[in-house]
Amino acid sequence: MAPSPRVSHGILSLVIKSKDELYRSYMPHIKNGGIFVPTLRDYHLGEEVFMLLDLMEEPDKIPVTGKVVWVTPRGAQGGKKAGIGIQLSAEDNTVVSKIETYLAGALGSGRLTHTM
C-alpha cells in the first residue's frame, strides 16, 4: 500500500540569487515544472508543501504550492545536497514562465543540477 500524502510540516523558503543557482534547482523534466529545495527535514513522496520563493530580481517572495516528487536523502552518493524536488501546481504557471525566461538558452546545456 502506498503511503498517503500527509499534512505539511511548515512553510519552506528558498532564496535563489543567481542564474546558476536557478539552473541547478529547476526541474524542467517534471510536468508543470519543479524546483529542488535543500532541506534536512524528512518529507515523503506525494506530500503537499507550501513554499515562499525569493527569486533573483523579483520584488516580492512568490508563494508556491506543490507536491514532493523527488527526495535526496542526507548522505546521498556523489556529494548531492539533501533536499526535495517539488512538482509545481498547474496554478503556478506564471512562476514557471518567469523561471524559464531567466533560464532562456541554458535549459538544454546538460550541466549538472541538484537532481540529475
PDB file of N, CA and C in Angstrom:
ATOM      1  N   MET A   1       0.836  -1.175   0.000  1.00  0.00           N
ATOM      2  CA  MET A   1       0.000   0.000   0.000  1.00  0.00           C
ATOM      3  C   MET A   1       0.881   1.238   0.000  1.00  0.00           C
ATOM      4  N   ALA A   2       0.598   2.182  -0.891  1.00  0.00           N
ATOM      5  CA  ALA A   2       1.398   3.403  -0.993  1.00  0.00           C
ATOM      6  C   ALA A   2       1.072   4.336   0.164  1.00  0.00           C
ATOM      7  N   PRO A   3       2.101   5.055   0.662  1.00  0.00           N
ATOM      8  CA  PRO A   3       1.821   5.991   1.748  1.00  0.00           C
ATOM      9  C   PRO A   3       0.944   7.133   1.243  1.00  0.00           C
ATOM     10  N   SER A   4       0.012   7.553   2.073  1.00  0.00           N
ATOM     11  CA  SER A   4      -0.856   8.658   1.672  1.00  0.00           C
ATOM     12  C   SER A   4      -0.172   9.979   1.996  1.00  0.00           C
ATOM     13  N   PRO A   5      -0.472  11.019   1.206  1.00  0.00           N
ATOM     14  CA  PRO A   5       0.121  12.321   1.494  1.00  0.00           C
ATOM     15  C   PRO A   5      -0.269  12.775   2.897  1.00  0.00           C
ATOM     16  N   ARG A   6       0.634  13.427   3.563  1.00  0.00           N
ATOM     17  CA  ARG A   6       0.322  13.913   4.897  1.00  0.00           C
ATOM     18  C   ARG A   6       0.372  15.440   4.892  1.00  0.00           C
ATOM     19  N   VAL A   7      -0.127  16.022   5.933  1.00  0.00           N
ATOM     20  CA  VAL A   7      -0.126  17.473   6.043  1.00  0.00           C
ATOM     21  C   VAL A   7       1.313  17.952   6.181  1.00  0.00           C
ATOM     22  N   SER A   8       1.637  19.009   5.484  1.00  0.00           N
ATOM     23  CA  SER A   8       2.994  19.546   5.511  1.00  0.00           C
ATOM     24  C   SER A   8       3.363  20.019   6.908  1.00  0.00           C
ATOM     25  N   HIS A   9       4.639  20.027   7.195  1.00  0.00           N
ATOM     26  CA  HIS A   9       5.109  20.480   8.495  1.00  0.00           C
ATOM     27  C   HIS A   9       5.885  21.781   8.355  1.00  0.00           C
ATOM     28  N   GLY A  10       5.179  22.842   8.023  1.00  0.00           N
ATOM     29  CA  GLY A  10       5.789  24.154   7.958  1.00  0.00           C
ATOM     30  C   GLY A  10       5.938  24.678   6.549  1.00  0.00           C
ATOM     31  N   ILE A  11       6.265  25.939   6.470  1.00  0.00           N
ATOM     32  CA  ILE A  11       6.460  26.613   5.194  1.00  0.00           C
ATOM     33  C   ILE A  11       7.934  26.539   4.830  1.00  0.00           C
ATOM     34  N   LEU A  12       8.202  26.086   3.617  1.00  0.00           N
ATOM     35  CA  LEU A  12       9.573  26.069   3.113  1.00  0.00           C
ATOM     36  C   LEU A  12       9.921  27.448   2.579  1.00  0.00           C
ATOM     37  N   SER A  13      11.187  27.747   2.548  1.00  0.00           N
ATOM     38  CA  SER A  13      11.658  29.007   1.990  1.00  0.00           C
ATOM     39  C   SER A  13      12.889  28.716   1.143  1.00  0.00           C
ATOM     40  N   LEU A  14      12.940  29.335  -0.030  1.00  0.00           N
ATOM     41  CA  LEU A  14      14.086  29.150  -0.911  1.00  0.00           C
ATOM     42  C   LEU A  14      14.481  30.502  -1.495  1.00  0.00           C
ATOM     43  N   VAL A  15      15.758  30.845  -1.332  1.00  0.00           N
ATOM     44  CA  VAL A  15      16.298  32.083  -1.893  1.00  0.00           C
ATOM     45  C   VAL A  15      17.230  31.703  -3.036  1.00  0.00           C
ATOM     46  N   ILE A  16      16.930  32.197  -4.217  1.00  0.00           N
ATOM     47  CA  ILE A  16      17.776  31.952  -5.385  1.00  0.00           C
ATOM     48  C   ILE A  16      18.284  33.305  -5.867  1.00  0.00           C
ATOM     49  N   LYS A  17      19.613  33.481  -5.778  1.00  0.00           N
ATOM     50  CA  LYS A  17      20.213  34.775  -6.070  1.00  0.00           C
ATOM     51  C   LYS A  17      20.855  34.868  -7.448  1.00  0.00           C
ATOM     52  N   SER A  18      21.099  33.720  -8.102  1.00  0.00           N
ATOM     53  CA  SER A  18      21.808  33.774  -9.380  1.00  0.00           C
ATOM     54  C   SER A  18      21.183  32.831 -10.402  1.00  0.00           C
ATOM     55  N   LYS A  19      21.482  33.082 -11.645  1.00  0.00           N
ATOM     56  CA  LYS A  19      21.005  32.229 -12.731  1.00  0.00           C
ATOM     57  C   LYS A  19      21.580  30.821 -12.578  1.00  0.00           C
ATOM     58  N   ASP A  20      22.823  30.709 -12.130  1.00  0.00           N
ATOM     59  CA  ASP A  20      23.442  29.405 -11.939  1.00  0.00           C
ATOM     60  C   ASP A  20      22.720  28.601 -10.858  1.00  0.00           C
ATOM     61  N   GLU A  21      22.381  29.246  -9.744  1.00  0.00           N
ATOM     62  CA  GLU A  21      21.623  28.584  -8.677  1.00  0.00           C
ATOM     63  C   GLU A  21      20.259  28.132  -9.189  1.00  0.00           C
ATOM     64  N   LEU A  22      19.623  28.997  -9.968  1.00  0.00           N
ATOM     65  CA  LEU A  22      18.309  28.670 -10.515  1.00  0.00           C
ATOM     66  C   LEU A  22      18.406  27.472 -11.446  1.00  0.00           C
ATOM     67  N   TYR A  23      19.427  27.448 -12.284  1.00  0.00           N
ATOM     68  CA  TYR A  23      19.619  26.324 -13.204  1.00  0.00           C
ATOM     69  C   TYR A  23      19.768  25.013 -12.429  1.00  0.00           C
ATOM     70  N   ARG A  24      20.571  25.037 -11.372  1.00  0.00           N
ATOM     71  CA  ARG A  24      20.807  23.817 -10.591  1.00  0.00           C
ATOM     72  C   ARG A  24      19.555  23.347  -9.845  1.00  0.00           C
ATOM     73  N   SER A  25      18.648  24.287  -9.536  1.00  0.00           N
ATOM     74  CA  SER A  25      17.455  23.957  -8.755  1.00  0.00           C
ATOM     75  C   SER A  25      16.230  23.621  -9.594  1.00  0.00           C
ATOM     76  N   TYR A  26      16.143  24.148 -10.803  1.00  0.00           N
ATOM     77  CA  TYR A  26      14.939  23.955 -11.617  1.00  0.00           C
ATOM     78  C   TYR A  26      14.880  22.542 -12.192  1.00  0.00           C
ATOM     79  N   MET A  27      13.687  21.990 -12.249  1.00  0.00           N
ATOM     80  CA  MET A  27      13.468  20.632 -12.749  1.00  0.00           C
ATOM     81  C   MET A  27      12.495  20.691 -13.942  1.00  0.00           C
ATOM     82  N   PRO A  28      13.002  20.999 -15.142  1.00  0.00           N
ATOM     83  CA  PRO A  28      12.117  21.165 -16.297  1.00  0.00           C
ATOM     84  C   PRO A  28      11.486  19.860 -16.775  1.00  0.00           C
ATOM     85  N   HIS A  29      12.058  18.732 -16.389  1.00  0.00           N
ATOM     86  CA  HIS A  29      11.553  17.433 -16.820  1.00  0.00           C
ATOM     87  C   HIS A  29      10.299  17.004 -16.045  1.00  0.00           C
ATOM     88  N   ILE A  30       9.885  17.778 -15.055  1.00  0.00           N
ATOM     89  CA  ILE A  30       8.697  17.483 -14.256  1.00  0.00           C
ATOM     90  C   ILE A  30       7.500  18.215 -14.869  1.00  0.00           C
ATOM     91  N   LYS A  31       6.360  17.523 -14.989  1.00  0.00           N
ATOM     92  CA  LYS A  31       5.144  18.151 -15.503  1.00  0.00           C
ATOM     93  C   LYS A  31       4.808  19.374 -14.654  1.00  0.00           C
ATOM     94  N   ASN A  32       4.512  20.489 -15.280  1.00  0.00           N
ATOM     95  CA  ASN A  32       4.250  21.793 -14.649  1.00  0.00           C
ATOM     96  C   ASN A  32       5.518  22.425 -14.082  1.00  0.00           C
ATOM     97  N   GLY A  33       6.654  21.786 -14.243  1.00  0.00           N
ATOM     98  CA  GLY A  33       7.914  22.299 -13.710  1.00  0.00           C
ATOM     99  C   GLY A  33       8.095  21.893 -12.263  1.00  0.00           C
ATOM    100  N   GLY A  34       9.330  21.872 -11.851  1.00  0.00           N
ATOM    101  CA  GLY A  34       9.631  21.521 -10.476  1.00  0.00           C
ATOM    102  C   GLY A  34      10.828  22.305  -9.989  1.00  0.00           C
ATOM    103  N   ILE A  35      11.005  22.316  -8.698  1.00  0.00           N
ATOM    104  CA  ILE A  35      12.137  23.029  -8.119  1.00  0.00           C
ATOM    105  C   ILE A  35      12.678  22.224  -6.934  1.00  0.00           C
ATOM    106  N   PHE A  36      13.998  22.147  -6.865  1.00  0.00           N
ATOM    107  CA  PHE A  36      14.673  21.440  -5.784  1.00  0.00           C
ATOM    108  C   PHE A  36      14.890  22.397  -4.623  1.00  0.00           C
ATOM    109  N   VAL A  37      14.544  21.946  -3.432  1.00  0.00           N
ATOM    110  CA  VAL A  37      14.691  22.756  -2.225  1.00  0.00           C
ATOM    111  C   VAL A  37      15.595  22.004  -1.249  1.00  0.00           C
ATOM    112  N   PRO A  38      16.788  22.526  -0.977  1.00  0.00           N
ATOM    113  CA  PRO A  38      17.651  21.881   0.014  1.00  0.00           C
ATOM    114  C   PRO A  38      16.982  21.915   1.392  1.00  0.00           C
ATOM    115  N   THR A  39      16.942  20.784   2.053  1.00  0.00           N
ATOM    116  CA  THR A  39      16.374  20.714   3.405  1.00  0.00           C
ATOM    117  C   THR A  39      16.857  19.441   4.085  1.00  0.00           C
ATOM    118  N   LEU A  40      16.989  19.512   5.389  1.00  0.00           N
ATOM    119  CA  LEU A  40      17.348  18.334   6.166  1.00  0.00           C
ATOM    120  C   LEU A  40      16.122  17.667   6.775  1.00  0.00           C
ATOM    121  N   ARG A  41      14.945  18.295   6.637  1.00  0.00           N
ATOM    122  CA  ARG A  41      13.703  17.706   7.137  1.00  0.00           C
ATOM    123  C   ARG A  41      13.343  16.486   6.307  1.00  0.00           C
ATOM    124  N   ASP A  42      12.633  15.566   6.927  1.00  0.00           N
ATOM    125  CA  ASP A  42      12.162  14.376   6.225  1.00  0.00           C
ATOM    126  C   ASP A  42      10.809  14.647   5.581  1.00  0.00           C
ATOM    127  N   TYR A  43      10.727  14.410   4.294  1.00  0.00           N
ATOM    128  CA  TYR A  43       9.485  14.520   3.537  1.00  0.00           C
ATOM    129  C   TYR A  43       9.263  13.210   2.810  1.00  0.00           C
ATOM    130  N   HIS A  44       8.031  12.979   2.421  1.00  0.00           N
ATOM    131  CA  HIS A  44       7.674  11.749   1.715  1.00  0.00           C
ATOM    132  C   HIS A  44       7.121  12.085   0.336  1.00  0.00           C
ATOM    133  N   LEU A  45       7.344  11.189  -0.609  1.00  0.00           N
ATOM    134  CA  LEU A  45       6.789  11.375  -1.943  1.00  0.00           C
ATOM    135  C   LEU A  45       5.283  11.564  -1.847  1.00  0.00           C
ATOM    136  N   GLY A  46       4.779  12.528  -2.604  1.00  0.00           N
ATOM    137  CA  GLY A  46       3.350  12.819  -2.617  1.00  0.00           C
ATOM    138  C   GLY A  46       2.913  13.827  -1.579  1.00  0.00           C
ATOM    139  N   GLU A  47       3.780  14.170  -0.654  1.00  0.00           N
ATOM    140  CA  GLU A  47       3.430  15.126   0.398  1.00  0.00           C
ATOM    141  C   GLU A  47       3.203  16.511  -0.204  1.00  0.00           C
ATOM    142  N   GLU A  48       2.151  17.172   0.223  1.00  0.00           N
ATOM    143  CA  GLU A  48       1.838  18.521  -0.234  1.00  0.00           C
ATOM    144  C   GLU A  48       2.678  19.521   0.567  1.00  0.00           C
ATOM    145  N   VAL A  49       3.221  20.524  -0.128  1.00  0.00           N
ATOM    146  CA  VAL A  49       4.067  21.515   0.538  1.00  0.00           C
ATOM    147  C   VAL A  49       3.714  22.922   0.063  1.00  0.00           C
ATOM    148  N   PHE A  50       4.076  23.894   0.883  1.00  0.00           N
ATOM    149  CA  PHE A  50       3.923  25.303   0.554  1.00  0.00           C
ATOM    150  C   PHE A  50       5.292  25.951   0.733  1.00  0.00           C
ATOM    151  N   MET A  51       5.642  26.809  -0.224  1.00  0.00           N
ATOM    152  CA  MET A  51       6.967  27.423  -0.187  1.00  0.00           C
ATOM    153  C   MET A  51       6.873  28.891  -0.576  1.00  0.00           C
ATOM    154  N   LEU A  52       7.753  29.682   0.007  1.00  0.00           N
ATOM    155  CA  LEU A  52       7.946  31.068  -0.423  1.00  0.00           C
ATOM    156  C   LEU A  52       9.269  31.122  -1.165  1.00  0.00           C
ATOM    157  N   LEU A  53       9.193  31.509  -2.437  1.00  0.00           N
ATOM    158  CA  LEU A  53      10.354  31.543  -3.314  1.00  0.00           C
ATOM    159  C   LEU A  53      10.818  32.975  -3.496  1.00  0.00           C
ATOM    160  N   ASP A  54      12.056  33.238  -3.107  1.00  0.00           N
ATOM    161  CA  ASP A  54      12.683  34.546  -3.302  1.00  0.00           C
ATOM    162  C   ASP A  54      13.560  34.398  -4.541  1.00  0.00           C
ATOM    163  N   LEU A  55      13.046  34.869  -5.674  1.00  0.00           N
ATOM    164  CA  LEU A  55      13.656  34.608  -6.970  1.00  0.00           C
ATOM    165  C   LEU A  55      14.380  35.831  -7.518  1.00  0.00           C
ATOM    166  N   MET A  56      15.666  35.794  -7.461  1.00  0.00           N
ATOM    167  CA  MET A  56      16.581  36.764  -8.058  1.00  0.00           C
ATOM    168  C   MET A  56      16.072  38.200  -7.980  1.00  0.00           C
ATOM    169  N   GLU A  57      15.648  38.758  -9.093  1.00  0.00           N
ATOM    170  CA  GLU A  57      15.305  40.180  -9.159  1.00  0.00           C
ATOM    171  C   GLU A  57      13.829  40.470  -8.913  1.00  0.00           C
ATOM    172  N   GLU A  58      13.056  39.458  -8.563  1.00  0.00           N
ATOM    173  CA  GLU A  58      11.634  39.666  -8.313  1.00  0.00           C
ATOM    174  C   GLU A  58      11.474  40.473  -7.026  1.00  0.00           C
ATOM    175  N   PRO A  59      10.598  41.476  -7.027  1.00  0.00           N
ATOM    176  CA  PRO A  59      10.480  42.359  -5.856  1.00  0.00           C
ATOM    177  C   PRO A  59       9.846  41.694  -4.634  1.00  0.00           C
ATOM    178  N   ASP A  60       8.999  40.683  -4.842  1.00  0.00           N
ATOM    179  CA  ASP A  60       8.307  40.032  -3.730  1.00  0.00           C
ATOM    180  C   ASP A  60       8.574  38.540  -3.730  1.00  0.00           C
ATOM    181  N   LYS A  61       8.446  37.940  -2.552  1.00  0.00           N
ATOM    182  CA  LYS A  61       8.526  36.483  -2.474  1.00  0.00           C
ATOM    183  C   LYS A  61       7.299  35.913  -3.184  1.00  0.00           C
ATOM    184  N   ILE A  62       7.507  34.789  -3.864  1.00  0.00           N
ATOM    185  CA  ILE A  62       6.443  34.173  -4.649  1.00  0.00           C
ATOM    186  C   ILE A  62       5.928  32.949  -3.905  1.00  0.00           C
ATOM    187  N   PRO A  63       4.630  32.924  -3.571  1.00  0.00           N
ATOM    188  CA  PRO A  63       4.081  31.736  -2.930  1.00  0.00           C
ATOM    189  C   PRO A  63       3.917  30.609  -3.952  1.00  0.00           C
ATOM    190  N   VAL A  64       4.354  29.414  -3.578  1.00  0.00           N
ATOM    191  CA  VAL A  64       4.329  28.263  -4.480  1.00  0.00           C
ATOM    192  C   VAL A  64       3.749  27.072  -3.721  1.00  0.00           C
ATOM    193  N   THR A  65       2.867  26.337  -4.376  1.00  0.00           N
ATOM    194  CA  THR A  65       2.351  25.104  -3.800  1.00  0.00           C
ATOM    195  C   THR A  65       2.726  23.943  -4.706  1.00  0.00           C
ATOM    196  N   GLY A  66       2.799  22.770  -4.138  1.00  0.00           N
ATOM    197  CA  GLY A  66       3.124  21.614  -4.949  1.00  0.00           C
ATOM    198  C   GLY A  66       3.211  20.363  -4.110  1.00  0.00           C
ATOM    199  N   LYS A  67       3.743  19.315  -4.740  1.00  0.00           N
ATOM    200  CA  LYS A  67       3.914  18.069  -4.002  1.00  0.00           C
ATOM    201  C   LYS A  67       5.310  17.525  -4.231  1.00  0.00           C
ATOM    202  N   VAL A  68       5.769  16.774  -3.260  1.00  0.00           N
ATOM    203  CA  VAL A  68       7.116  16.206  -3.291  1.00  0.00           C
ATOM    204  C   VAL A  68       7.149  15.067  -4.311  1.00  0.00           C
ATOM    205  N   VAL A  69       8.065  15.193  -5.296  1.00  0.00           N
ATOM    206  CA  VAL A  69       8.221  14.156  -6.317  1.00  0.00           C
ATOM    207  C   VAL A  69       9.650  13.624  -6.371  1.00  0.00           C
ATOM    208  N   TRP A  70      10.530  14.173  -5.535  1.00  0.00           N
ATOM    209  CA  TRP A  70      11.940  13.776  -5.541  1.00  0.00           C
ATOM    210  C   TRP A  70      12.470  13.944  -4.129  1.00  0.00           C
ATOM    211  N   VAL A  71      13.225  12.976  -3.653  1.00  0.00           N
ATOM    212  CA  VAL A  71      13.864  13.087  -2.341  1.00  0.00           C
ATOM    213  C   VAL A  71      15.326  12.682  -2.481  1.00  0.00           C
ATOM    214  N   THR A  72      16.216  13.581  -2.078  1.00  0.00           N
ATOM    215  CA  THR A  72      17.634  13.250  -1.973  1.00  0.00           C
ATOM    216  C   THR A  72      17.941  13.203  -0.471  1.00  0.00           C
ATOM    217  N   PRO A  73      18.192  12.026   0.055  1.00  0.00           N
ATOM    218  CA  PRO A  73      18.398  11.897   1.497  1.00  0.00           C
ATOM    219  C   PRO A  73      19.766  12.424   1.942  1.00  0.00           C
ATOM    220  N   ARG A  74      19.885  12.652   3.242  1.00  0.00           N
ATOM    221  CA  ARG A  74      21.186  13.015   3.815  1.00  0.00           C
ATOM    222  C   ARG A  74      22.174  11.904   3.501  1.00  0.00           C
ATOM    223  N   GLY A  75      23.399  12.279   3.181  1.00  0.00           N
ATOM    224  CA  GLY A  75      24.448  11.304   2.919  1.00  0.00           C
ATOM    225  C   GLY A  75      24.347  10.654   1.546  1.00  0.00           C
ATOM    226  N   ALA A  76      23.650  11.281   0.618  1.00  0.00           N
ATOM    227  CA  ALA A  76      23.498  10.707  -0.722  1.00  0.00           C
ATOM    228  C   ALA A  76      24.850  10.625  -1.419  1.00  0.00           C
ATOM    229  N   GLN A  77      24.986   9.643  -2.300  1.00  0.00           N
ATOM    230  CA  GLN A  77      26.227   9.463  -3.048  1.00  0.00           C
ATOM    231  C   GLN A  77      26.514  10.665  -3.929  1.00  0.00           C
ATOM    232  N   GLY A  78      27.767  10.851  -4.247  1.00  0.00           N
ATOM    233  CA  GLY A  78      28.168  11.929  -5.145  1.00  0.00           C
ATOM    234  C   GLY A  78      28.147  13.308  -4.515  1.00  0.00           C
ATOM    235  N   GLY A  79      27.990  13.369  -3.203  1.00  0.00           N
ATOM    236  CA  GLY A  79      28.003  14.662  -2.532  1.00  0.00           C
ATOM    237  C   GLY A  79      26.788  15.524  -2.836  1.00  0.00           C
ATOM    238  N   LYS A  80      25.692  14.910  -3.279  1.00  0.00           N
ATOM    239  CA  LYS A  80      24.470  15.666  -3.584  1.00  0.00           C
ATOM    240  C   LYS A  80      23.892  16.245  -2.305  1.00  0.00           C
ATOM    241  N   LYS A  81      23.339  17.464  -2.414  1.00  0.00           N
ATOM    242  CA  LYS A  81      22.681  18.100  -1.283  1.00  0.00           C
ATOM    243  C   LYS A  81      21.419  17.346  -0.910  1.00  0.00           C
ATOM    244  N   ALA A  82      21.167  17.238   0.377  1.00  0.00           N
ATOM    245  CA  ALA A  82      19.903  16.670   0.844  1.00  0.00           C
ATOM    246  C   ALA A  82      18.797  17.663   0.538  1.00  0.00           C
ATOM    247  N   GLY A  83      17.659  17.142   0.110  1.00  0.00           N
ATOM    248  CA  GLY A  83      16.535  18.026  -0.171  1.00  0.00           C
ATOM    249  C   GLY A  83      15.422  17.318  -0.906  1.00  0.00           C
ATOM    250  N   ILE A  84      14.465  18.111  -1.350  1.00  0.00           N
ATOM    251  CA  ILE A  84      13.296  17.567  -2.042  1.00  0.00           C
ATOM    252  C   ILE A  84      13.049  18.311  -3.345  1.00  0.00           C
ATOM    253  N   GLY A  85      12.481  17.603  -4.287  1.00  0.00           N
ATOM    254  CA  GLY A  85      12.020  18.207  -5.526  1.00  0.00           C
ATOM    255  C   GLY A  85      10.525  18.370  -5.442  1.00  0.00           C
ATOM    256  N   ILE A  86      10.051  19.575  -5.700  1.00  0.00           N
ATOM    257  CA  ILE A  86       8.632  19.880  -5.613  1.00  0.00           C
ATOM    258  C   ILE A  86       8.070  20.060  -7.014  1.00  0.00           C
ATOM    259  N   GLN A  87       7.033  19.287  -7.343  1.00  0.00           N
ATOM    260  CA  GLN A  87       6.317  19.486  -8.592  1.00  0.00           C
ATOM    261  C   GLN A  87       5.372  20.655  -8.369  1.00  0.00           C
ATOM    262  N   LEU A  88       5.530  21.695  -9.194  1.00  0.00           N
ATOM    263  CA  LEU A  88       4.698  22.875  -9.048  1.00  0.00           C
ATOM    264  C   LEU A  88       3.282  22.568  -9.508  1.00  0.00           C
ATOM    265  N   SER A  89       2.320  23.232  -8.899  1.00  0.00           N
ATOM    266  CA  SER A  89       0.928  23.022  -9.284  1.00  0.00           C
ATOM    267  C   SER A  89       0.668  23.734 -10.611  1.00  0.00           C
ATOM    268  N   ALA A  90      -0.380  23.320 -11.297  1.00  0.00           N
ATOM    269  CA  ALA A  90      -0.746  23.929 -12.582  1.00  0.00           C
ATOM    270  C   ALA A  90      -1.025  25.426 -12.422  1.00  0.00           C
ATOM    271  N   GLU A  91      -1.455  25.839 -11.245  1.00  0.00           N
ATOM    272  CA  GLU A  91      -1.742  27.261 -10.991  1.00  0.00           C
ATOM    273  C   GLU A  91      -0.464  28.103 -10.909  1.00  0.00           C
ATOM    274  N   ASP A  92       0.686  27.455 -10.792  1.00  0.00           N
ATOM    275  CA  ASP A  92       1.949  28.183 -10.679  1.00  0.00           C
ATOM    276  C   ASP A  92       2.613  28.413 -12.044  1.00  0.00           C
ATOM    277  N   ASN A  93       1.831  28.412 -13.121  1.00  0.00           N
ATOM    278  CA  ASN A  93       2.419  28.561 -14.458  1.00  0.00           C
ATOM    279  C   ASN A  93       3.120  29.901 -14.648  1.00  0.00           C
ATOM    280  N   THR A  94       2.723  30.940 -13.923  1.00  0.00           N
ATOM    281  CA  THR A  94       3.409  32.230 -14.004  1.00  0.00           C
ATOM    282  C   THR A  94       4.826  32.108 -13.466  1.00  0.00           C
ATOM    283  N   VAL A  95       4.997  31.347 -12.390  1.00  0.00           N
ATOM    284  CA  VAL A  95       6.319  31.126 -11.800  1.00  0.00           C
ATOM    285  C   VAL A  95       7.207  30.378 -12.795  1.00  0.00           C
ATOM    286  N   VAL A  96       6.654  29.348 -13.423  1.00  0.00           N
ATOM    287  CA  VAL A  96       7.412  28.565 -14.402  1.00  0.00           C
ATOM    288  C   VAL A  96       7.837  29.458 -15.563  1.00  0.00           C
ATOM    289  N   SER A  97       6.947  30.323 -16.023  1.00  0.00           N
ATOM    290  CA  SER A  97       7.289  31.251 -17.116  1.00  0.00           C
ATOM    291  C   SER A  97       8.437  32.173 -16.719  1.00  0.00           C
ATOM    292  N   LYS A  98       8.394  32.689 -15.498  1.00  0.00           N
ATOM    293  CA  LYS A  98       9.473  33.569 -15.013  1.00  0.00           C
ATOM    294  C   LYS A  98      10.796  32.804 -14.959  1.00  0.00           C
ATOM    295  N   ILE A  99      10.751  31.588 -14.409  1.00  0.00           N
ATOM    296  CA  ILE A  99      11.967  30.783 -14.289  1.00  0.00           C
ATOM    297  C   ILE A  99      12.542  30.491 -15.671  1.00  0.00           C
ATOM    298  N   GLU A 100      11.701  30.068 -16.601  1.00  0.00           N
ATOM    299  CA  GLU A 100      12.187  29.712 -17.931  1.00  0.00           C
ATOM    300  C   GLU A 100      12.662  30.933 -18.711  1.00  0.00           C
ATOM    301  N   THR A 101      12.130  32.106 -18.410  1.00  0.00           N
ATOM    302  CA  THR A 101      12.645  33.336 -19.015  1.00  0.00           C
ATOM    303  C   THR A 101      14.055  33.620 -18.501  1.00  0.00           C
ATOM    304  N   TYR A 102      14.252  33.490 -17.197  1.00  0.00           N
ATOM    305  CA  TYR A 102      15.591  33.669 -16.624  1.00  0.00           C
ATOM    306  C   TYR A 102      16.586  32.670 -17.208  1.00  0.00           C
ATOM    307  N   LEU A 103      16.114  31.454 -17.492  1.00  0.00           N
ATOM    308  CA  LEU A 103      16.998  30.386 -17.960  1.00  0.00           C
ATOM    309  C   LEU A 103      17.028  30.236 -19.481  1.00  0.00           C
ATOM    310  N   ALA A 104      16.475  31.177 -20.194  1.00  0.00           N
ATOM    311  CA  ALA A 104      16.438  31.085 -21.660  1.00  0.00           C
ATOM    312  C   ALA A 104      17.833  30.793 -22.206  1.00  0.00           C
ATOM    313  N   GLY A 105      17.925  29.767 -23.036  1.00  0.00           N
ATOM    314  CA  GLY A 105      19.187  29.392 -23.646  1.00  0.00           C
ATOM    315  C   GLY A 105      20.052  28.468 -22.808  1.00  0.00           C
ATOM    316  N   ALA A 106      19.727  28.291 -21.539  1.00  0.00           N
ATOM    317  CA  ALA A 106      20.556  27.464 -20.668  1.00  0.00           C
ATOM    318  C   ALA A 106      19.944  26.097 -20.383  1.00  0.00           C
ATOM    319  N   LEU A 107      18.646  25.936 -20.612  1.00  0.00           N
ATOM    320  CA  LEU A 107      17.964  24.706 -20.199  1.00  0.00           C
ATOM    321  C   LEU A 107      18.501  23.443 -20.855  1.00  0.00           C
ATOM    322  N   GLY A 108      18.949  23.503 -22.081  1.00  0.00           N
ATOM    323  CA  GLY A 108      19.435  22.305 -22.760  1.00  0.00           C
ATOM    324  C   GLY A 108      20.932  22.117 -22.687  1.00  0.00           C
ATOM    325  N   SER A 109      21.594  22.790 -21.745  1.00  0.00           N
ATOM    326  CA  SER A 109      23.056  22.774 -21.724  1.00  0.00           C
ATOM    327  C   SER A 109      23.657  21.455 -21.240  1.00  0.00           C
ATOM    328  N   GLY A 110      22.909  20.674 -20.487  1.00  0.00           N
ATOM    329  CA  GLY A 110      23.440  19.396 -19.998  1.00  0.00           C
ATOM    330  C   GLY A 110      24.329  19.506 -18.769  1.00  0.00           C
ATOM    331  N   ARG A 111      24.448  20.699 -18.197  1.00  0.00           N
ATOM    332  CA  ARG A 111      25.234  20.847 -16.960  1.00  0.00           C
ATOM    333  C   ARG A 111      24.550  20.120 -15.822  1.00  0.00           C
ATOM    334  N   LEU A 112      25.327  19.761 -14.818  1.00  0.00           N
ATOM    335  CA  LEU A 112      24.783  19.062 -13.664  1.00  0.00           C
ATOM    336  C   LEU A 112      23.845  19.961 -12.854  1.00  0.00           C
ATOM    337  N   THR A 113      22.837  19.329 -12.252  1.00  0.00           N
ATOM    338  CA  THR A 113      21.905  20.038 -11.382  1.00  0.00           C
ATOM    339  C   THR A 113      21.885  19.322 -10.028  1.00  0.00           C
ATOM    340  N   HIS A 114      21.053  19.801  -9.121  1.00  0.00           N
ATOM    341  CA  HIS A 114      20.941  19.153  -7.814  1.00  0.00           C
ATOM    342  C   HIS A 114      20.288  17.783  -7.917  1.00  0.00           C
ATOM    343  N   THR A 115      19.549  17.531  -9.006  1.00  0.00           N
ATOM    344  CA  THR A 115      18.831  16.262  -9.114  1.00  0.00           C
ATOM    345  C   THR A 115      19.365  15.330 -10.190  1.00  0.00           C
ATOM    346  N   MET A 116      19.948  15.842 -11.217  1.00  0.00           N
ATOM    347  CA  MET A 116      20.422  14.988 -12.321  1.00  0.00           C
ATOM    348  C   MET A 116      21.865  15.285 -12.655  1.00  0.00           C
TER     349      MET A 116
END
